[in-house]
Amino acid sequence: MESNTAAWLTAAKARPFEIKSAPMGAPGEHQILVKNHAIAVNPIDGKLQSLAIYPMEYPAILGQDVAGEVVAVGPGVTRFKTGDRVLGTAAGFGTKRSEDRAFQTYTILESNMACQIPDDMTYASAAVLPLGISTAAAGLFNDDFLALQAPTYPTRSSMNKSLLVWGGASSVGCNAIQLAVAAGYEVFATSSPKNFNLVQELGASRVFDYHSPTIVADILDALKGKVSVGILDAVGGAAWVPSMEIAQKLVGAKFIATTITGFPEPPEGVLIKQMHALSIVGNNLSKAIFEDFLPIALAKKAYAVAPAPLIAGHGLESIQDAVDLQARGVSAKKVVVTL
């Protein structure tokens, strides 16, 4: 096996990432070692580099989205074998181990946070999904969040309960819509008008322009007479106040699952909490998503790769350009580097 190489963040706020050798991890119990063929970049990566918003030991490796080939399996692993093509959410921010992060040639994954991908799915497409689906699942299905029923294939029959997804064309939003629809819920979503078609194709029954000055009234009118299971906010920031205003007036759950912290105090009766992708590692939800649902849904072409991959370059040397591209802002795309 070849040696490992990583894009290292050598110090707080250092630029660019330094490409140099990295330890080659060995998979432990219920872990797999993956040779990465594609890595996706998320907004948190740029913030970790430029703002140093998370306490880390340096030098550090970042990244959470990988797709590649299994090259070794640890004790107790029965779902995977060497040669399998997989996607997975790298759990390094939970384990604090550099070998469990994405921006390198080889990454160790928890086997319950990975799944096989179809032969006709590119690694670049597969890398789009892991963190987005993990984060959305945490907000939708964890018992201390919206606590919805888990998704199934075939899709559950409709329960006549509604979910609002704010930011439906974002990575978390695209996955939240598909997961909720597969679980039998009616989804309403917001996006910019240019992404209405995408959001509807993913399963949203109605989409609203989040720039509209009447969006709160429009959504409340659409939800009139419906029982809400809550709101999943995939973007944070400007979404918080209107989401809280809507939640306060909904019939049903007045709970907002949001992607980032820093939100204002919610009005009385409304609860808002930040969801975390890695919260699903240690419970049955990871099995429900990555073992029972996603591999089947992907194989049956019942789960879309969304948003679409935007390939920023090839090789670890392109990681800095990819992080910068993501930081400048992309719409209905997920930035990916192929290896």
C-alpha atoms as a PDB file:
ATOM      1  CA  MET A   1       0.000   0.000   0.000  1.00  0.00           C
ATOM      2  CA  GLU A   2       1.287   3.453  -0.871  1.00  0.00           C
ATOM      3  CA  SER A   3       2.043   6.036   1.811  1.00  0.00           C
ATOM      4  CA  ASN A   4      -0.525   8.566   2.973  1.00  0.00           C
ATOM      5  CA  THR A   5      -0.514  12.265   2.078  1.00  0.00           C
ATOM      6  CA  ALA A   6      -2.691  15.054   3.477  1.00  0.00           C
ATOM      7  CA  ALA A   7      -3.531  18.720   3.065  1.00  0.00           C
ATOM      8  CA  TRP A   8      -2.407  20.029   6.458  1.00  0.00           C
ATOM      9  CA  LEU A   9      -3.562  23.190   8.188  1.00  0.00           C
ATOM     10  CA  THR A  10      -0.220  23.903   9.840  1.00  0.00           C
ATOM     11  CA  ALA A  11      -1.375  26.615  12.253  1.00  0.00           C
ATOM     12  CA  ALA A  12      -4.426  28.706  13.089  1.00  0.00           C
ATOM     13  CA  LYS A  13      -5.403  30.792  10.033  1.00  0.00           C
ATOM     14  CA  ALA A  14      -2.451  29.439   7.993  1.00  0.00           C
ATOM     15  CA  ARG A  15      -2.663  29.545   4.174  1.00  0.00           C
ATOM     16  CA  PRO A  16      -2.358  27.624   1.968  1.00  0.00           C
ATOM     17  CA  PHE A  17      -2.824  24.059   3.138  1.00  0.00           C
ATOM     18  CA  GLU A  18       0.528  22.279   3.148  1.00  0.00           C
ATOM     19  CA  ILE A  19       0.654  19.018   1.192  1.00  0.00           C
ATOM     20  CA  LYS A  20       2.896  16.533   2.977  1.00  0.00           C
ATOM     21  CA  SER A  21       2.971  13.014   4.367  1.00  0.00           C
ATOM     22  CA  ALA A  22       0.492  11.874   7.006  1.00  0.00           C
ATOM     23  CA  PRO A  23       0.191   8.828   9.258  1.00  0.00           C
ATOM     24  CA  MET A  24      -1.484   5.824   7.683  1.00  0.00           C
ATOM     25  CA  GLY A  25      -4.245   4.726  10.016  1.00  0.00           C
ATOM     26  CA  ALA A  26      -5.235   1.108  10.613  1.00  0.00           C
ATOM     27  CA  PRO A  27      -8.964   0.438  10.943  1.00  0.00           C
ATOM     28  CA  GLY A  28     -10.094  -0.582  14.409  1.00  0.00           C
ATOM     29  CA  GLU A  29     -13.228  -2.430  15.402  1.00  0.00           C
ATOM     30  CA  HIS A  30     -16.186  -1.545  13.161  1.00  0.00           C
ATOM     31  CA  GLN A  31     -14.023   0.739  11.017  1.00  0.00           C
ATOM     32  CA  ILE A  32     -12.911   0.705   7.379  1.00  0.00           C
ATOM     33  CA  LEU A  33      -9.919   2.277   5.664  1.00  0.00           C
ATOM     34  CA  VAL A  34     -10.828   4.039   2.425  1.00  0.00           C
ATOM     35  CA  LYS A  35      -8.603   5.280  -0.381  1.00  0.00           C
ATOM     36  CA  ASN A  36     -10.285   8.531  -1.289  1.00  0.00           C
ATOM     37  CA  HIS A  37     -11.148   9.257  -4.914  1.00  0.00           C
ATOM     38  CA  ALA A  38     -13.210  12.377  -4.211  1.00  0.00           C
ATOM     39  CA  ILE A  39     -13.533  14.794  -1.301  1.00  0.00           C
ATOM     40  CA  ALA A  40     -16.206  17.444  -0.836  1.00  0.00           C
ATOM     41  CA  VAL A  41     -15.759  20.829   0.799  1.00  0.00           C
ATOM     42  CA  ASN A  42     -18.234  22.397   3.214  1.00  0.00           C
ATOM     43  CA  PRO A  43     -18.663  25.971   4.506  1.00  0.00           C
ATOM     44  CA  ILE A  44     -17.249  24.950   7.884  1.00  0.00           C
ATOM     45  CA  ASP A  45     -13.879  24.152   6.295  1.00  0.00           C
ATOM     46  CA  GLY A  46     -13.227  27.740   5.251  1.00  0.00           C
ATOM     47  CA  LYS A  47     -14.349  29.026   8.635  1.00  0.00           C
ATOM     48  CA  LEU A  48     -12.050  26.604  10.421  1.00  0.00           C
ATOM     49  CA  GLN A  49      -9.131  27.798   8.318  1.00  0.00           C
ATOM     50  CA  SER A  50      -9.711  31.545   8.168  1.00  0.00           C
ATOM     51  CA  LEU A  51     -11.419  32.179  11.506  1.00  0.00           C
ATOM     52  CA  ALA A  52     -10.072  29.352  13.697  1.00  0.00           C
ATOM     53  CA  ILE A  53     -13.544  29.012  15.219  1.00  0.00           C
ATOM     54  CA  TYR A  54     -12.981  25.524  16.624  1.00  0.00           C
ATOM     55  CA  PRO A  55     -10.278  24.539  19.123  1.00  0.00           C
ATOM     56  CA  MET A  56      -7.837  22.208  17.361  1.00  0.00           C
ATOM     57  CA  GLU A  57      -4.341  20.894  17.793  1.00  0.00           C
ATOM     58  CA  TYR A  58      -2.097  21.946  14.910  1.00  0.00           C
ATOM     59  CA  PRO A  59      -1.041  20.785  12.435  1.00  0.00           C
ATOM     60  CA  ALA A  60      -4.565  19.574  11.628  1.00  0.00           C
ATOM     61  CA  ILE A  61      -6.434  17.852   8.821  1.00  0.00           C
ATOM     62  CA  LEU A  62      -9.946  19.048   7.956  1.00  0.00           C
ATOM     63  CA  GLY A  63     -12.831  17.619   5.952  1.00  0.00           C
ATOM     64  CA  GLN A  64     -15.792  15.290   6.468  1.00  0.00           C
ATOM     65  CA  ASP A  65     -17.074  14.121   3.040  1.00  0.00           C
ATOM     66  CA  VAL A  66     -15.324  11.255   1.263  1.00  0.00           C
ATOM     67  CA  ALA A  67     -15.964   8.733  -1.485  1.00  0.00           C
ATOM     68  CA  GLY A  68     -13.531   6.035  -2.467  1.00  0.00           C
ATOM     69  CA  GLU A  69     -12.490   2.390  -2.341  1.00  0.00           C
ATOM     70  CA  VAL A  70     -12.254   0.198   0.748  1.00  0.00           C
ATOM     71  CA  VAL A  71      -8.669  -1.049   1.144  1.00  0.00           C
ATOM     72  CA  ALA A  72      -8.898  -2.604   4.624  1.00  0.00           C
ATOM     73  CA  VAL A  73     -11.587  -3.543   7.139  1.00  0.00           C
ATOM     74  CA  GLY A  74     -11.342  -3.748  10.905  1.00  0.00           C
ATOM     75  CA  PRO A  75     -12.581  -6.459  13.273  1.00  0.00           C
ATOM     76  CA  GLY A  76     -16.338  -6.891  13.380  1.00  0.00           C
ATOM     77  CA  VAL A  77     -16.981  -5.364   9.957  1.00  0.00           C
ATOM     78  CA  THR A  78     -19.396  -7.509   7.955  1.00  0.00           C
ATOM     79  CA  ARG A  79     -21.009  -5.035   5.523  1.00  0.00           C
ATOM     80  CA  PHE A  80     -17.826  -4.147   3.632  1.00  0.00           C
ATOM     81  CA  LYS A  81     -14.921  -5.863   1.930  1.00  0.00           C
ATOM     82  CA  THR A  82     -11.819  -4.623   0.162  1.00  0.00           C
ATOM     83  CA  GLY A  83     -12.631  -3.225  -3.256  1.00  0.00           C
ATOM     84  CA  ASP A  84     -16.072  -1.908  -2.318  1.00  0.00           C
ATOM     85  CA  ARG A  85     -16.925   1.546  -3.666  1.00  0.00           C
ATOM     86  CA  VAL A  86     -18.276   3.637  -0.788  1.00  0.00           C
ATOM     87  CA  LEU A  87     -19.205   7.065   0.499  1.00  0.00           C
ATOM     88  CA  GLY A  88     -18.943   8.113   4.120  1.00  0.00           C
ATOM     89  CA  THR A  89     -18.966  10.865   6.719  1.00  0.00           C
ATOM     90  CA  ALA A  90     -15.535  11.172   8.314  1.00  0.00           C
ATOM     91  CA  ALA A  91     -15.922  11.383  12.093  1.00  0.00           C
ATOM     92  CA  GLY A  92     -12.644  13.088  12.970  1.00  0.00           C
ATOM     93  CA  PHE A  93     -14.251  16.036  14.697  1.00  0.00           C
ATOM     94  CA  GLY A  94     -15.778  13.568  17.110  1.00  0.00           C
ATOM     95  CA  THR A  95     -12.800  11.267  17.575  1.00  0.00           C
ATOM     96  CA  LYS A  96     -10.206  14.107  17.474  1.00  0.00           C
ATOM     97  CA  ARG A  97      -7.979  11.878  15.313  1.00  0.00           C
ATOM     98  CA  SER A  98      -6.405  13.215  12.124  1.00  0.00           C
ATOM     99  CA  GLU A  99      -6.657   9.829  10.380  1.00  0.00           C
ATOM    100  CA  ASP A 100     -10.449  10.073  10.661  1.00  0.00           C
ATOM    101  CA  ARG A 101     -10.678  13.251   8.548  1.00  0.00           C
ATOM    102  CA  ALA A 102     -11.173  13.753   4.829  1.00  0.00           C
ATOM    103  CA  PHE A 103      -8.481  15.987   3.313  1.00  0.00           C
ATOM    104  CA  GLN A 104      -5.993  13.170   2.684  1.00  0.00           C
ATOM    105  CA  THR A 105      -5.419  10.152   0.476  1.00  0.00           C
ATOM    106  CA  TYR A 106      -6.613   7.580   3.019  1.00  0.00           C
ATOM    107  CA  THR A 107      -9.342   8.058   5.636  1.00  0.00           C
ATOM    108  CA  ILE A 108     -10.655   5.799   8.373  1.00  0.00           C
ATOM    109  CA  LEU A 109     -14.455   5.711   8.518  1.00  0.00           C
ATOM    110  CA  GLU A 110     -16.822   4.328  11.118  1.00  0.00           C
ATOM    111  CA  SER A 111     -18.549   1.527   9.225  1.00  0.00           C
ATOM    112  CA  ASN A 112     -21.981   2.695  10.388  1.00  0.00           C
ATOM    113  CA  MET A 113     -21.371   6.105   8.737  1.00  0.00           C
ATOM    114  CA  ALA A 114     -20.643   4.644   5.287  1.00  0.00           C
ATOM    115  CA  CYS A 115     -22.462   2.783   2.534  1.00  0.00           C
ATOM    116  CA  GLN A 116     -21.772   1.173  -0.829  1.00  0.00           C
ATOM    117  CA  ILE A 117     -22.497   3.192  -3.956  1.00  0.00           C
ATOM    118  CA  PRO A 118     -23.770   1.911  -7.320  1.00  0.00           C
ATOM    119  CA  ASP A 119     -21.221   1.009  -9.980  1.00  0.00           C
ATOM    120  CA  ASP A 120     -22.501   3.755 -12.265  1.00  0.00           C
ATOM    121  CA  MET A 121     -22.205   6.514  -9.645  1.00  0.00           C
ATOM    122  CA  THR A 122     -19.053   8.612  -9.917  1.00  0.00           C
ATOM    123  CA  TYR A 123     -16.974   9.225  -6.830  1.00  0.00           C
ATOM    124  CA  ALA A 124     -17.404  12.973  -7.361  1.00  0.00           C
ATOM    125  CA  SER A 125     -21.169  12.564  -7.166  1.00  0.00           C
ATOM    126  CA  ALA A 126     -20.993  10.272  -4.148  1.00  0.00           C
ATOM    127  CA  ALA A 127     -18.824  12.708  -2.182  1.00  0.00           C
ATOM    128  CA  VAL A 128     -21.647  15.264  -2.312  1.00  0.00           C
ATOM    129  CA  LEU A 129     -23.895  13.298   0.038  1.00  0.00           C
ATOM    130  CA  PRO A 130     -22.359  12.153   3.355  1.00  0.00           C
ATOM    131  CA  LEU A 131     -22.221  15.223   5.620  1.00  0.00           C
ATOM    132  CA  GLY A 132     -25.403  16.724   4.190  1.00  0.00           C
ATOM    133  CA  ILE A 133     -27.385  13.560   4.756  1.00  0.00           C
ATOM    134  CA  SER A 134     -25.889  13.014   8.228  1.00  0.00           C
ATOM    135  CA  THR A 135     -26.707  16.560   9.323  1.00  0.00           C
ATOM    136  CA  ALA A 136     -30.223  16.480   7.908  1.00  0.00           C
ATOM    137  CA  ALA A 137     -30.858  13.092   9.519  1.00  0.00           C
ATOM    138  CA  ALA A 138     -29.683  14.388  12.897  1.00  0.00           C
ATOM    139  CA  GLY A 139     -32.191  17.239  12.792  1.00  0.00           C
ATOM    140  CA  LEU A 140     -35.083  15.264  11.368  1.00  0.00           C
ATOM    141  CA  PHE A 141     -34.891  11.953  13.192  1.00  0.00           C
ATOM    142  CA  ASN A 142     -32.997  12.272  16.489  1.00  0.00           C
ATOM    143  CA  ASP A 143     -35.303  11.900  19.478  1.00  0.00           C
ATOM    144  CA  ASP A 144     -34.203  15.252  20.929  1.00  0.00           C
ATOM    145  CA  PHE A 145     -34.902  17.089  17.653  1.00  0.00           C
ATOM    146  CA  LEU A 146     -37.896  16.680  15.310  1.00  0.00           C
ATOM    147  CA  ALA A 147     -38.090  12.936  16.078  1.00  0.00           C
ATOM    148  CA  LEU A 148     -39.690  12.009  12.755  1.00  0.00           C
ATOM    149  CA  GLN A 149     -40.146   8.460  11.506  1.00  0.00           C
ATOM    150  CA  ALA A 150     -37.119   7.118   9.639  1.00  0.00           C
ATOM    151  CA  PRO A 151     -37.104   7.066   5.815  1.00  0.00           C
ATOM    152  CA  THR A 152     -37.816   3.849   3.958  1.00  0.00           C
ATOM    153  CA  TYR A 153     -37.628   2.415   0.473  1.00  0.00           C
ATOM    154  CA  PRO A 154     -40.259   2.173  -0.902  1.00  0.00           C
ATOM    155  CA  THR A 155     -41.356   5.542   0.463  1.00  0.00           C
ATOM    156  CA  ARG A 156     -43.775   5.501   3.386  1.00  0.00           C
ATOM    157  CA  SER A 157     -47.356   6.475   2.576  1.00  0.00           C
ATOM    158  CA  SER A 158     -48.222  10.069   3.416  1.00  0.00           C
ATOM    159  CA  MET A 159     -49.152  10.836   7.024  1.00  0.00           C
ATOM    160  CA  ASN A 160     -50.640  14.249   6.194  1.00  0.00           C
ATOM    161  CA  LYS A 161     -48.065  15.990   8.341  1.00  0.00           C
ATOM    162  CA  SER A 162     -45.916  18.818   7.031  1.00  0.00           C
ATOM    163  CA  LEU A 163     -42.296  19.904   7.378  1.00  0.00           C
ATOM    164  CA  LEU A 164     -40.813  23.256   6.388  1.00  0.00           C
ATOM    165  CA  VAL A 165     -37.231  23.186   5.069  1.00  0.00           C
ATOM    166  CA  TRP A 166     -35.605  26.619   4.933  1.00  0.00           C
ATOM    167  CA  GLY A 167     -32.845  26.625   2.325  1.00  0.00           C
ATOM    168  CA  GLY A 168     -34.017  23.748   0.183  1.00  0.00           C
ATOM    169  CA  ALA A 169     -31.252  24.042  -2.437  1.00  0.00           C
ATOM    170  CA  SER A 170     -28.414  23.851   0.105  1.00  0.00           C
ATOM    171  CA  SER A 171     -26.607  20.596   0.797  1.00  0.00           C
ATOM    172  CA  VAL A 172     -28.452  19.952   4.053  1.00  0.00           C
ATOM    173  CA  GLY A 173     -31.705  21.193   2.520  1.00  0.00           C
ATOM    174  CA  CYS A 174     -31.559  18.888  -0.510  1.00  0.00           C
ATOM    175  CA  ASN A 175     -31.036  15.907   1.763  1.00  0.00           C
ATOM    176  CA  ALA A 176     -33.650  16.988   4.299  1.00  0.00           C
ATOM    177  CA  ILE A 177     -36.313  17.213   1.593  1.00  0.00           C
ATOM    178  CA  GLN A 178     -35.550  13.761   0.208  1.00  0.00           C
ATOM    179  CA  LEU A 179     -35.296  12.102   3.618  1.00  0.00           C
ATOM    180  CA  ALA A 180     -38.543  13.626   4.869  1.00  0.00           C
ATOM    181  CA  VAL A 181     -40.454  12.691   1.715  1.00  0.00           C
ATOM    182  CA  ALA A 182     -39.130   9.119   1.964  1.00  0.00           C
ATOM    183  CA  ALA A 183     -40.361   9.074   5.560  1.00  0.00           C
ATOM    184  CA  GLY A 184     -43.886  10.027   4.470  1.00  0.00           C
ATOM    185  CA  TYR A 185     -44.046  13.750   5.234  1.00  0.00           C
ATOM    186  CA  GLU A 186     -45.243  16.588   3.015  1.00  0.00           C
ATOM    187  CA  VAL A 187     -42.430  19.090   2.544  1.00  0.00           C
ATOM    188  CA  PHE A 188     -42.635  22.819   1.974  1.00  0.00           C
ATOM    189  CA  ALA A 189     -39.363  24.602   1.255  1.00  0.00           C
ATOM    190  CA  THR A 190     -37.728  27.935   0.543  1.00  0.00           C
ATOM    191  CA  SER A 191     -35.085  28.746  -2.048  1.00  0.00           C
ATOM    192  CA  SER A 192     -34.205  31.385  -4.597  1.00  0.00           C
ATOM    193  CA  PRO A 193     -36.468  31.289  -7.692  1.00  0.00           C
ATOM    194  CA  LYS A 194     -33.669  29.944  -9.901  1.00  0.00           C
ATOM    195  CA  ASN A 195     -33.622  26.778  -7.772  1.00  0.00           C
ATOM    196  CA  PHE A 196     -37.397  26.210  -7.572  1.00  0.00           C
ATOM    197  CA  ASN A 197     -37.320  23.392 -10.142  1.00  0.00           C
ATOM    198  CA  LEU A 198     -34.524  21.549  -8.332  1.00  0.00           C
ATOM    199  CA  VAL A 199     -36.279  21.747  -4.981  1.00  0.00           C
ATOM    200  CA  GLN A 200     -39.570  20.543  -6.451  1.00  0.00           C
ATOM    201  CA  GLU A 201     -37.844  17.675  -8.264  1.00  0.00           C
ATOM    202  CA  LEU A 202     -36.457  16.550  -4.901  1.00  0.00           C
ATOM    203  CA  GLY A 203     -39.999  16.242  -3.587  1.00  0.00           C
ATOM    204  CA  ALA A 204     -41.110  19.569  -2.114  1.00  0.00           C
ATOM    205  CA  SER A 205     -44.812  20.125  -2.771  1.00  0.00           C
ATOM    206  CA  ARG A 206     -44.445  23.911  -2.724  1.00  0.00           C
ATOM    207  CA  VAL A 207     -41.438  26.231  -2.817  1.00  0.00           C
ATOM    208  CA  PHE A 208     -41.302  29.838  -1.633  1.00  0.00           C
ATOM    209  CA  ASP A 209     -38.902  32.645  -2.549  1.00  0.00           C
ATOM    210  CA  TYR A 210     -37.018  33.458   0.635  1.00  0.00           C
ATOM    211  CA  HIS A 211     -36.384  36.990  -0.678  1.00  0.00           C
ATOM    212  CA  SER A 212     -40.119  37.742  -0.770  1.00  0.00           C
ATOM    213  CA  PRO A 213     -41.285  40.362   1.762  1.00  0.00           C
ATOM    214  CA  THR A 214     -44.469  38.332   2.259  1.00  0.00           C
ATOM    215  CA  ILE A 215     -42.812  34.954   2.763  1.00  0.00           C
ATOM    216  CA  VAL A 216     -43.954  34.491   6.364  1.00  0.00           C
ATOM    217  CA  ALA A 217     -47.586  35.185   5.480  1.00  0.00           C
ATOM    218  CA  ASP A 218     -47.343  33.082   2.318  1.00  0.00           C
ATOM    219  CA  ILE A 219     -45.998  30.042   4.164  1.00  0.00           C
ATOM    220  CA  LEU A 220     -48.487  30.356   7.017  1.00  0.00           C
ATOM    221  CA  ASP A 221     -51.301  30.548   4.485  1.00  0.00           C
ATOM    222  CA  ALA A 222     -50.035  27.404   2.719  1.00  0.00           C
ATOM    223  CA  LEU A 223     -49.759  25.536   6.025  1.00  0.00           C
ATOM    224  CA  LYS A 224     -53.228  26.537   7.201  1.00  0.00           C
ATOM    225  CA  GLY A 225     -55.127  23.471   8.325  1.00  0.00           C
ATOM    226  CA  LYS A 226     -52.008  21.270   8.310  1.00  0.00           C
ATOM    227  CA  VAL A 227     -50.263  19.690  11.279  1.00  0.00           C
ATOM    228  CA  SER A 228     -46.599  20.677  11.372  1.00  0.00           C
ATOM    229  CA  VAL A 229     -43.786  18.423  12.530  1.00  0.00           C
ATOM    230  CA  GLY A 230     -41.425  21.402  12.750  1.00  0.00           C
ATOM    231  CA  ILE A 231     -38.893  23.359  10.738  1.00  0.00           C
ATOM    232  CA  LEU A 232     -35.459  22.342   9.504  1.00  0.00           C
ATOM    233  CA  ASP A 233     -33.312  25.422   8.895  1.00  0.00           C
ATOM    234  CA  ALA A 234     -30.472  24.473   6.562  1.00  0.00           C
ATOM    235  CA  VAL A 235     -28.851  27.910   6.285  1.00  0.00           C
ATOM    236  CA  GLY A 236     -29.093  29.821   9.591  1.00  0.00           C
ATOM    237  CA  GLY A 237     -28.570  33.569   9.894  1.00  0.00           C
ATOM    238  CA  ALA A 238     -31.310  35.423   8.042  1.00  0.00           C
ATOM    239  CA  ALA A 239     -33.575  32.373   8.283  1.00  0.00           C
ATOM    240  CA  TRP A 240     -33.852  32.441  12.071  1.00  0.00           C
ATOM    241  CA  VAL A 241     -36.288  35.312  12.622  1.00  0.00           C
ATOM    242  CA  PRO A 242     -38.845  34.344   9.941  1.00  0.00           C
ATOM    243  CA  SER A 243     -38.565  30.679  10.965  1.00  0.00           C
ATOM    244  CA  MET A 244     -39.325  31.611  14.568  1.00  0.00           C
ATOM    245  CA  GLU A 245     -42.254  33.775  13.517  1.00  0.00           C
ATOM    246  CA  ILE A 246     -43.680  30.906  11.471  1.00  0.00           C
ATOM    247  CA  ALA A 247     -43.027  28.302  14.173  1.00  0.00           C
ATOM    248  CA  GLN A 248     -44.839  30.389  16.769  1.00  0.00           C
ATOM    249  CA  LYS A 249     -48.032  30.306  14.685  1.00  0.00           C
ATOM    250  CA  LEU A 250     -47.934  26.703  13.473  1.00  0.00           C
ATOM    251  CA  VAL A 251     -50.338  24.004  14.559  1.00  0.00           C
ATOM    252  CA  GLY A 252     -48.161  21.186  15.841  1.00  0.00           C
ATOM    253  CA  ALA A 253     -44.464  21.105  16.700  1.00  0.00           C
ATOM    254  CA  LYS A 254     -42.873  24.507  17.281  1.00  0.00           C
ATOM    255  CA  PHE A 255     -39.325  23.177  16.962  1.00  0.00           C
ATOM    256  CA  ILE A 256     -36.567  24.505  14.686  1.00  0.00           C
ATOM    257  CA  ALA A 257     -33.515  22.353  13.959  1.00  0.00           C
ATOM    258  CA  THR A 258     -30.771  24.664  12.667  1.00  0.00           C
ATOM    259  CA  THR A 259     -27.328  24.143  11.172  1.00  0.00           C
ATOM    260  CA  ILE A 260     -25.389  26.827  13.046  1.00  0.00           C
ATOM    261  CA  THR A 261     -25.410  28.458  16.458  1.00  0.00           C
ATOM    262  CA  GLY A 262     -25.645  32.141  17.389  1.00  0.00           C
ATOM    263  CA  PHE A 263     -29.409  32.411  16.961  1.00  0.00           C
ATOM    264  CA  PRO A 264     -31.450  34.953  18.962  1.00  0.00           C
ATOM    265  CA  GLU A 265     -33.691  34.028  21.871  1.00  0.00           C
ATOM    266  CA  PRO A 266     -36.813  32.393  20.400  1.00  0.00           C
ATOM    267  CA  PRO A 267     -40.306  33.579  21.295  1.00  0.00           C
ATOM    268  CA  GLU A 268     -42.164  31.803  24.070  1.00  0.00           C
ATOM    269  CA  GLY A 269     -43.206  28.300  23.099  1.00  0.00           C
ATOM    270  CA  VAL A 270     -40.643  27.959  20.282  1.00  0.00           C
ATOM    271  CA  LEU A 271     -37.561  25.761  20.659  1.00  0.00           C
ATOM    272  CA  ILE A 272     -34.469  26.039  18.446  1.00  0.00           C
ATOM    273  CA  LYS A 273     -31.389  23.814  18.621  1.00  0.00           C
ATOM    274  CA  GLN A 274     -28.291  23.270  16.514  1.00  0.00           C
ATOM    275  CA  MET A 275     -28.077  19.831  14.905  1.00  0.00           C
ATOM    276  CA  HIS A 276     -24.791  17.947  14.593  1.00  0.00           C
ATOM    277  CA  ALA A 277     -24.033  15.308  11.966  1.00  0.00           C
ATOM    278  CA  LEU A 278     -21.917  13.161  14.259  1.00  0.00           C
ATOM    279  CA  SER A 279     -24.694  12.861  16.836  1.00  0.00           C
ATOM    280  CA  ILE A 280     -26.001   9.919  14.799  1.00  0.00           C
ATOM    281  CA  VAL A 281     -22.768   7.894  15.084  1.00  0.00           C
ATOM    282  CA  GLY A 282     -23.598   6.288  18.395  1.00  0.00           C
ATOM    283  CA  ASN A 283     -27.290   5.555  17.972  1.00  0.00           C
ATOM    284  CA  ASN A 284     -29.506   3.449  15.733  1.00  0.00           C
ATOM    285  CA  LEU A 285     -30.043   6.342  13.337  1.00  0.00           C
ATOM    286  CA  SER A 286     -26.754   5.728  11.538  1.00  0.00           C
ATOM    287  CA  LYS A 287     -27.927   2.184  10.789  1.00  0.00           C
ATOM    288  CA  ALA A 288     -31.343   3.421   9.649  1.00  0.00           C
ATOM    289  CA  ILE A 289     -29.735   5.826   7.173  1.00  0.00           C
ATOM    290  CA  PHE A 290     -26.480   4.262   5.968  1.00  0.00           C
ATOM    291  CA  GLU A 291     -27.443   0.585   6.125  1.00  0.00           C
ATOM    292  CA  ASP A 292     -31.215   0.236   5.843  1.00  0.00           C
ATOM    293  CA  PHE A 293     -32.122   3.156   3.541  1.00  0.00           C
ATOM    294  CA  LEU A 294     -29.422   4.904   1.533  1.00  0.00           C
ATOM    295  CA  PRO A 295     -27.711   1.996  -0.293  1.00  0.00           C
ATOM    296  CA  ILE A 296     -31.071   0.655  -1.468  1.00  0.00           C
ATOM    297  CA  ALA A 297     -32.405   4.087  -2.431  1.00  0.00           C
ATOM    298  CA  LEU A 298     -29.230   4.853  -4.409  1.00  0.00           C
ATOM    299  CA  ALA A 299     -29.306   1.479  -6.161  1.00  0.00           C
ATOM    300  CA  LYS A 300     -32.962   1.997  -7.124  1.00  0.00           C
ATOM    301  CA  LYS A 301     -32.256   5.567  -8.353  1.00  0.00           C
ATOM    302  CA  ALA A 302     -34.737   6.769  -5.723  1.00  0.00           C
ATOM    303  CA  TYR A 303     -32.330   9.219  -4.076  1.00  0.00           C
ATOM    304  CA  ALA A 304     -30.793  12.073  -6.032  1.00  0.00           C
ATOM    305  CA  VAL A 305     -27.279  13.440  -5.775  1.00  0.00           C
ATOM    306  CA  ALA A 306     -28.087  17.011  -4.860  1.00  0.00           C
ATOM    307  CA  PRO A 307     -26.835  19.631  -4.975  1.00  0.00           C
ATOM    308  CA  ALA A 308     -24.757  18.774  -8.036  1.00  0.00           C
ATOM    309  CA  PRO A 309     -20.972  18.432  -7.668  1.00  0.00           C
ATOM    310  CA  LEU A 310     -18.835  21.364  -8.786  1.00  0.00           C
ATOM    311  CA  ILE A 311     -15.346  19.972  -9.382  1.00  0.00           C
ATOM    312  CA  ALA A 312     -12.786  22.572  -8.323  1.00  0.00           C
ATOM    313  CA  GLY A 313      -9.706  20.591  -9.295  1.00  0.00           C
ATOM    314  CA  HIS A 314      -7.795  17.333  -9.032  1.00  0.00           C
ATOM    315  CA  GLY A 315      -5.398  16.351  -6.283  1.00  0.00           C
ATOM    316  CA  LEU A 316      -4.855  17.542  -2.732  1.00  0.00           C
ATOM    317  CA  GLU A 317      -3.100  20.595  -4.152  1.00  0.00           C
ATOM    318  CA  SER A 318      -6.561  21.811  -5.235  1.00  0.00           C
ATOM    319  CA  ILE A 319      -8.019  21.762  -1.721  1.00  0.00           C
ATOM    320  CA  GLN A 320      -7.159  25.404  -1.042  1.00  0.00           C
ATOM    321  CA  ASP A 321      -8.775  26.572  -4.276  1.00  0.00           C
ATOM    322  CA  ALA A 322     -11.830  24.473  -3.443  1.00  0.00           C
ATOM    323  CA  VAL A 323     -12.151  25.919   0.059  1.00  0.00           C
ATOM    324  CA  ASP A 324     -11.784  29.440  -1.349  1.00  0.00           C
ATOM    325  CA  LEU A 325     -14.402  28.742  -4.025  1.00  0.00           C
ATOM    326  CA  GLN A 326     -16.842  27.517  -1.397  1.00  0.00           C
ATOM    327  CA  ALA A 327     -16.138  30.554   0.792  1.00  0.00           C
ATOM    328  CA  ARG A 328     -16.934  32.924  -2.077  1.00  0.00           C
ATOM    329  CA  GLY A 329     -20.352  31.300  -2.302  1.00  0.00           C
ATOM    330  CA  VAL A 330     -21.976  28.738  -4.572  1.00  0.00           C
ATOM    331  CA  SER A 331     -25.661  28.132  -5.276  1.00  0.00           C
ATOM    332  CA  ALA A 332     -27.176  24.657  -5.592  1.00  0.00           C
ATOM    333  CA  LYS A 333     -23.689  23.160  -5.983  1.00  0.00           C
ATOM    334  CA  LYS A 334     -21.292  21.290  -3.727  1.00  0.00           C
ATOM    335  CA  VAL A 335     -17.584  21.876  -4.237  1.00  0.00           C
ATOM    336  CA  VAL A 336     -15.619  18.673  -4.837  1.00  0.00           C
ATOM    337  CA  VAL A 337     -11.968  17.766  -5.402  1.00  0.00           C
ATOM    338  CA  THR A 338     -11.146  14.518  -7.198  1.00  0.00           C
ATOM    339  CA  LEU A 339      -8.079  12.442  -6.323  1.00  0.00           C
END
